[in-house]
Amino acid sequence: MKNNEFFTTAQLAELLGVSRIAVFKKIKKGEIKAEKIGRNFVIRKKDLGIILGKILTEDQKSEIDKTITRVINEYGETLKKLGET
């Protein structure tokens, strides 16, 4: 495990422009995926895009697909008619 693969909570807080406490709260809520090493949490740098909301997780993609399918099933005919105008 290399140190340059991770952010500390302080580094991530500075990068996001929030307090360390805010980062800890997001970790506790599961909004930020972190690993505990000793007494400290670290966040993988490769997860930064997900944290910033720029990359969708597989769960998010699946939720979007389910929503699209439901909308098409419920409003498919209406959407077709709107597309014809």
Protein backbone atom coordinates (compact mmCIF):
# COMPACT_ATOMS: atom_id res chain seq x y z
CA MET A 1 0.00 0.00 0.00
CA LYS A 2 1.54 3.27 -1.13
CA ASN A 3 0.85 6.60 0.55
CA ASN A 4 0.45 8.34 -2.80
CA GLU A 5 -2.62 6.16 -3.53
CA PHE A 6 -4.61 7.76 -0.71
CA PHE A 7 -5.91 11.05 0.65
CA THR A 8 -6.00 11.70 4.35
CA THR A 9 -9.23 13.10 5.75
CA ALA A 10 -7.49 16.47 6.13
CA GLN A 11 -6.32 16.46 2.50
CA LEU A 12 -9.77 15.51 1.22
CA ALA A 13 -11.42 18.15 3.41
CA GLU A 14 -9.13 20.82 1.97
CA LEU A 15 -9.74 19.61 -1.57
CA LEU A 16 -13.54 19.63 -1.09
CA GLY A 17 -13.51 22.92 0.81
CA VAL A 18 -15.17 21.43 3.90
CA SER A 19 -14.10 20.66 7.45
CA ARG A 20 -12.55 17.36 8.54
CA ILE A 21 -15.66 16.81 10.66
CA ALA A 22 -17.81 17.06 7.51
CA VAL A 23 -15.61 14.42 5.85
CA PHE A 24 -15.95 12.15 8.90
CA LYS A 25 -19.74 12.57 8.84
CA LYS A 26 -19.85 11.66 5.14
CA ILE A 27 -17.69 8.59 5.84
CA LYS A 28 -20.01 7.55 8.67
CA LYS A 29 -23.09 7.99 6.43
CA GLY A 30 -21.43 5.94 3.70
CA GLU A 31 -21.30 8.87 1.29
CA ILE A 32 -17.52 8.62 1.13
CA LYS A 33 -15.85 5.21 0.93
CA ALA A 34 -12.87 5.08 3.28
CA GLU A 35 -10.56 2.53 4.83
CA LYS A 36 -9.40 2.62 8.41
CA ILE A 37 -5.69 2.17 8.88
CA GLY A 38 -4.82 2.18 12.55
CA ARG A 39 -6.67 5.14 14.05
CA ASN A 40 -6.95 7.04 10.78
CA PHE A 41 -9.23 6.89 7.78
CA VAL A 42 -7.81 7.11 4.27
CA ILE A 43 -9.63 7.61 1.00
CA ARG A 44 -8.40 6.11 -2.27
CA LYS A 45 -7.47 8.76 -4.83
CA LYS A 46 -9.13 6.70 -7.56
CA ASP A 47 -12.48 7.26 -5.76
CA LEU A 48 -12.24 11.05 -6.07
CA GLY A 49 -14.39 11.16 -9.22
CA ILE A 50 -17.17 9.31 -7.42
CA ILE A 51 -16.88 11.59 -4.39
CA LEU A 52 -17.13 14.65 -6.60
CA GLY A 53 -20.12 13.16 -8.40
CA LYS A 54 -18.35 13.07 -11.75
CA ILE A 55 -18.39 9.28 -12.04
CA LEU A 56 -21.47 7.13 -11.53
CA THR A 57 -21.17 4.00 -9.44
CA GLU A 58 -22.70 0.73 -10.66
CA ASP A 59 -25.52 1.16 -8.11
CA GLN A 60 -26.26 4.64 -9.44
CA LYS A 61 -26.27 3.37 -13.04
CA SER A 62 -28.61 0.54 -12.06
CA GLU A 63 -30.98 2.96 -10.31
CA ILE A 64 -31.06 5.20 -13.39
CA ASP A 65 -31.81 2.20 -15.63
CA LYS A 66 -34.67 1.10 -13.35
CA THR A 67 -36.12 4.61 -13.36
CA ILE A 68 -35.94 4.90 -17.14
CA THR A 69 -37.63 1.52 -17.56
CA ARG A 70 -40.41 2.52 -15.15
CA VAL A 71 -41.00 5.85 -16.93
CA ILE A 72 -41.14 4.17 -20.33
CA ASN A 73 -43.60 1.56 -19.03
CA GLU A 74 -45.82 4.19 -17.43
CA TYR A 75 -45.60 6.98 -20.01
CA GLY A 76 -44.42 5.27 -23.18
CA GLU A 77 -47.47 6.15 -25.28
CA THR A 78 -47.43 9.77 -24.10
CA LEU A 79 -43.72 10.04 -24.90
CA LYS A 80 -44.35 8.65 -28.41
CA LYS A 81 -47.08 11.23 -29.02
CA LEU A 82 -44.86 14.04 -27.75
CA GLY A 83 -42.14 12.86 -30.10
CA GLU A 84 -44.50 13.07 -33.07
CA THR A 85 -45.26 16.76 -32.59
